[in-house]
C-alpha atoms as a PDB file:
ATOM      1  CA  UNK A   1     141.330 192.186  29.027  1.00  0.00           C
ATOM      2  CA  UNK A   2     139.967 195.766  28.787  1.00  0.00           C
ATOM      3  CA  UNK A   3     143.022 197.211  30.620  1.00  0.00           C
ATOM      4  CA  UNK A   4     141.850 195.932  33.972  1.00  0.00           C
ATOM      5  CA  UNK A   5     143.926 194.023  36.463  1.00  0.00           C
ATOM      6  CA  UNK A   6     143.148 192.122  39.636  1.00  0.00           C
ATOM      7  CA  UNK A   7     145.004 190.153  42.284  1.00  0.00           C
ATOM      8  CA  UNK A   8     144.377 188.089  45.408  1.00  0.00           C
ATOM      9  CA  UNK A   9     145.673 189.237  48.806  1.00  0.00           C
ATOM     10  CA  UNK A  10     146.442 187.090  51.828  1.00  0.00           C
ATOM     11  CA  UNK A  11     144.334 188.024  54.845  1.00  0.00           C
ATOM     12  CA  UNK A  12     144.292 185.656  57.845  1.00  0.00           C
ATOM     13  CA  UNK A  13     141.744 182.914  57.025  1.00  0.00           C
ATOM     14  CA  UNK A  14     140.006 185.033  54.375  1.00  0.00           C
ATOM     15  CA  UNK A  15     141.157 186.209  50.960  1.00  0.00           C
ATOM     16  CA  UNK A  16     141.389 189.736  49.626  1.00  0.00           C
ATOM     17  CA  UNK A  17     140.519 190.902  46.159  1.00  0.00           C
ATOM     18  CA  UNK A  18     142.130 193.996  44.656  1.00  0.00           C
ATOM     19  CA  UNK A  19     141.676 195.447  41.170  1.00  0.00           C
ATOM     20  CA  UNK A  20     142.362 198.500  39.030  1.00  0.00           C
ATOM     21  CA  UNK A  21     140.593 199.592  35.867  1.00  0.00           C
ATOM     22  CA  UNK A  22     140.081 202.634  33.657  1.00  0.00           C
ATOM     23  CA  UNK A  23     136.411 203.025  34.671  1.00  0.00           C
ATOM     24  CA  UNK A  24     134.179 202.203  37.615  1.00  0.00           C
ATOM     25  CA  UNK A  25     132.227 199.704  35.495  1.00  0.00           C
ATOM     26  CA  UNK A  26     135.406 197.883  34.401  1.00  0.00           C
ATOM     27  CA  UNK A  27     136.592 197.882  38.038  1.00  0.00           C
ATOM     28  CA  UNK A  28     133.432 196.073  39.139  1.00  0.00           C
ATOM     29  CA  UNK A  29     133.893 193.591  36.272  1.00  0.00           C
ATOM     30  CA  UNK A  30     137.518 192.997  37.306  1.00  0.00           C
ATOM     31  CA  UNK A  31     136.459 192.393  40.902  1.00  0.00           C
ATOM     32  CA  UNK A  32     133.896 189.860  39.648  1.00  0.00           C
ATOM     33  CA  UNK A  33     136.594 188.133  37.631  1.00  0.00           C
ATOM     34  CA  UNK A  34     138.870 188.045  40.699  1.00  0.00           C
ATOM     35  CA  UNK A  35     135.996 186.538  42.701  1.00  0.00           C
ATOM     36  CA  UNK A  36     135.444 183.759  40.159  1.00  0.00           C
ATOM     37  CA  UNK A  37     139.205 183.143  39.962  1.00  0.00           C
ATOM     38  CA  UNK A  38     139.167 182.157  43.645  1.00  0.00           C
ATOM     39  CA  UNK A  39     136.906 179.263  42.711  1.00  0.00           C
ATOM     40  CA  UNK A  40     138.012 178.284  39.195  1.00  0.00           C
ATOM     41  CA  UNK A  41     139.719 179.731  36.133  1.00  0.00           C
ATOM     42  CA  UNK A  42     137.268 182.248  34.606  1.00  0.00           C
ATOM     43  CA  UNK A  43     138.611 181.418  31.120  1.00  0.00           C
ATOM     44  CA  UNK A  44     137.177 177.899  31.542  1.00  0.00           C
ATOM     45  CA  UNK A  45     133.632 179.183  32.138  1.00  0.00           C
ATOM     46  CA  UNK A  46     131.432 179.257  29.064  1.00  0.00           C
ATOM     47  CA  UNK A  47     129.069 182.260  28.757  1.00  0.00           C
ATOM     48  CA  UNK A  48     126.074 179.968  28.119  1.00  0.00           C
ATOM     49  CA  UNK A  49     123.459 181.621  30.355  1.00  0.00           C
ATOM     50  CA  UNK A  50     122.835 185.289  31.156  1.00  0.00           C
ATOM     51  CA  UNK A  51     121.788 186.314  34.664  1.00  0.00           C
ATOM     52  CA  UNK A  52     120.639 189.903  35.268  1.00  0.00           C
ATOM     53  CA  UNK A  53     121.792 191.526  38.525  1.00  0.00           C
ATOM     54  CA  UNK A  54     120.611 194.805  40.047  1.00  0.00           C
ATOM     55  CA  UNK A  55     122.153 196.491  43.103  1.00  0.00           C
ATOM     56  CA  UNK A  56     121.741 199.867  44.798  1.00  0.00           C
ATOM     57  CA  UNK A  57     123.819 201.325  47.635  1.00  0.00           C
ATOM     58  CA  UNK A  58     124.612 204.737  49.130  1.00  0.00           C
ATOM     59  CA  UNK A  59     128.267 204.739  47.988  1.00  0.00           C
ATOM     60  CA  UNK A  60     130.714 202.960  45.698  1.00  0.00           C
ATOM     61  CA  UNK A  61     132.280 200.780  48.395  1.00  0.00           C
ATOM     62  CA  UNK A  62     128.946 199.427  49.614  1.00  0.00           C
ATOM     63  CA  UNK A  63     127.847 198.990  46.000  1.00  0.00           C
ATOM     64  CA  UNK A  64     130.935 196.831  45.412  1.00  0.00           C
ATOM     65  CA  UNK A  65     130.098 194.645  48.416  1.00  0.00           C
ATOM     66  CA  UNK A  66     126.475 194.318  47.289  1.00  0.00           C
ATOM     67  CA  UNK A  67     127.653 193.419  43.755  1.00  0.00           C
ATOM     68  CA  UNK A  68     130.043 190.723  44.958  1.00  0.00           C
ATOM     69  CA  UNK A  69     127.453 189.304  47.374  1.00  0.00           C
ATOM     70  CA  UNK A  70     124.831 189.249  44.597  1.00  0.00           C
ATOM     71  CA  UNK A  71     127.255 187.263  42.430  1.00  0.00           C
ATOM     72  CA  UNK A  72     128.021 184.879  45.312  1.00  0.00           C
ATOM     73  CA  UNK A  73     124.296 184.384  45.918  1.00  0.00           C
ATOM     74  CA  UNK A  74     123.513 183.756  42.234  1.00  0.00           C
ATOM     75  CA  UNK A  75     126.403 181.290  41.884  1.00  0.00           C
ATOM     76  CA  UNK A  76     125.253 179.350  44.950  1.00  0.00           C
ATOM     77  CA  UNK A  77     121.522 179.410  44.179  1.00  0.00           C
ATOM     78  CA  UNK A  78     121.953 178.482  40.518  1.00  0.00           C
ATOM     79  CA  UNK A  79     124.981 176.191  41.030  1.00  0.00           C
ATOM     80  CA  UNK A  80     126.799 178.279  38.406  1.00  0.00           C
ATOM     81  CA  UNK A  81     130.092 179.974  37.763  1.00  0.00           C
ATOM     82  CA  UNK A  82     130.369 183.249  35.864  1.00  0.00           C
ATOM     83  CA  UNK A  83     133.116 184.041  33.401  1.00  0.00           C
ATOM     84  CA  UNK A  84     131.877 187.208  31.682  1.00  0.00           C
ATOM     85  CA  UNK A  85     130.252 190.359  33.007  1.00  0.00           C
ATOM     86  CA  UNK A  86     128.796 193.555  31.607  1.00  0.00           C
ATOM     87  CA  UNK A  87     128.267 196.233  34.259  1.00  0.00           C
ATOM     88  CA  UNK A  88     126.498 199.592  33.913  1.00  0.00           C
ATOM     89  CA  UNK A  89     126.501 202.029  36.819  1.00  0.00           C
ATOM     90  CA  UNK A  90     124.406 205.177  37.088  1.00  0.00           C
ATOM     91  CA  UNK A  91     125.126 207.046  40.312  1.00  0.00           C
ATOM     92  CA  UNK A  92     125.030 204.245  42.865  1.00  0.00           C
ATOM     93  CA  UNK A  93     122.699 201.962  40.912  1.00  0.00           C
ATOM     94  CA  UNK A  94     124.291 198.965  39.212  1.00  0.00           C
ATOM     95  CA  UNK A  95     122.664 196.929  36.477  1.00  0.00           C
ATOM     96  CA  UNK A  96     124.653 194.032  35.113  1.00  0.00           C
ATOM     97  CA  UNK A  97     124.508 190.812  33.188  1.00  0.00           C
ATOM     98  CA  UNK A  98     126.699 187.965  34.398  1.00  0.00           C
ATOM     99  CA  UNK A  99     127.239 185.143  31.917  1.00  0.00           C
ATOM    100  CA  UNK A 100     128.240 181.655  32.865  1.00  0.00           C
ATOM    101  CA  UNK A 101     127.287 178.030  33.122  1.00  0.00           C
ATOM    102  CA  UNK A 102     126.402 175.289  35.572  1.00  0.00           C
ATOM    103  CA  UNK A 103     129.400 174.099  37.565  1.00  0.00           C
ATOM    104  CA  UNK A 104     131.071 171.080  35.996  1.00  0.00           C
ATOM    105  CA  UNK A 105     133.260 169.755  38.827  1.00  0.00           C
ATOM    106  CA  UNK A 106     135.444 167.683  36.499  1.00  0.00           C
ATOM    107  CA  UNK A 107     136.116 170.552  34.087  1.00  0.00           C
ATOM    108  CA  UNK A 108     136.070 173.586  36.407  1.00  0.00           C
ATOM    109  CA  UNK A 109     137.797 171.900  39.376  1.00  0.00           C
ATOM    110  CA  UNK A 110     136.417 174.335  41.994  1.00  0.00           C
ATOM    111  CA  UNK A 111     138.910 174.825  44.826  1.00  0.00           C
ATOM    112  CA  UNK A 112     137.069 176.972  47.383  1.00  0.00           C
ATOM    113  CA  UNK A 113     133.566 178.114  48.308  1.00  0.00           C
ATOM    114  CA  UNK A 114     133.209 181.854  48.811  1.00  0.00           C
ATOM    115  CA  UNK A 115     130.702 182.613  51.572  1.00  0.00           C
ATOM    116  CA  UNK A 116     130.471 186.371  51.279  1.00  0.00           C
ATOM    117  CA  UNK A 117     132.091 189.739  50.693  1.00  0.00           C
ATOM    118  CA  UNK A 118     132.893 191.671  53.872  1.00  0.00           C
ATOM    119  CA  UNK A 119     133.462 195.315  54.819  1.00  0.00           C
ATOM    120  CA  UNK A 120     137.024 194.526  55.908  1.00  0.00           C
ATOM    121  CA  UNK A 121     139.584 196.599  53.972  1.00  0.00           C
ATOM    122  CA  UNK A 122     136.760 197.690  51.678  1.00  0.00           C
ATOM    123  CA  UNK A 123     137.528 200.588  49.367  1.00  0.00           C
ATOM    124  CA  UNK A 124     136.693 202.025  45.961  1.00  0.00           C
ATOM    125  CA  UNK A 125     138.366 205.198  44.728  1.00  0.00           C
ATOM    126  CA  UNK A 126     139.596 207.006  41.672  1.00  0.00           C
ATOM    127  CA  UNK A 127     143.131 208.394  41.596  1.00  0.00           C
ATOM    128  CA  UNK A 128     144.243 211.708  40.076  1.00  0.00           C
ATOM    129  CA  UNK A 129     145.070 209.978  36.769  1.00  0.00           C
ATOM    130  CA  UNK A 130     141.486 208.690  36.488  1.00  0.00           C
ATOM    131  CA  UNK A 131     142.248 205.052  37.289  1.00  0.00           C
ATOM    132  CA  UNK A 132     139.765 203.271  39.533  1.00  0.00           C
ATOM    133  CA  UNK A 133     140.988 201.089  42.430  1.00  0.00           C
ATOM    134  CA  UNK A 134     139.001 198.677  44.563  1.00  0.00           C
ATOM    135  CA  UNK A 135     139.556 196.074  47.206  1.00  0.00           C
ATOM    136  CA  UNK A 136     137.468 193.801  49.423  1.00  0.00           C
ATOM    137  CA  UNK A 137     138.078 190.837  51.727  1.00  0.00           C
ATOM    138  CA  UNK A 138     135.896 187.792  51.103  1.00  0.00           C
ATOM    139  CA  UNK A 139     135.041 185.067  53.580  1.00  0.00           C
ATOM    140  CA  UNK A 140     135.932 181.579  52.313  1.00  0.00           C
END
């Protein structure tokens, strides 16, 4: 999926998200996918409704936390799951569209409620080969 990868990390009572991608935008999309995958399989979420999301922060790491928390808020407020994302970043301003649908407990089988993204183990960086790396611990 667009040469991006993500994984979950064990972290005491919380769960860590880690991803790599060829661009900062794809990294933020991969982290969103990893977030949804904590709750349900993103492949099972239909892209029926588009939700615009805007975030600004002074650096990439804080922008990642704001992005994840905006997704968590929108999922909770709208009772939705997201399974597709399109992120654009200009400087430290993120504009995105998250696509998803209302939670169907029988079909999605949600397994955990994510309360928020934290600053614990938070990082976003680009290595010498140009690959972007990010990680964040989320409170469940």
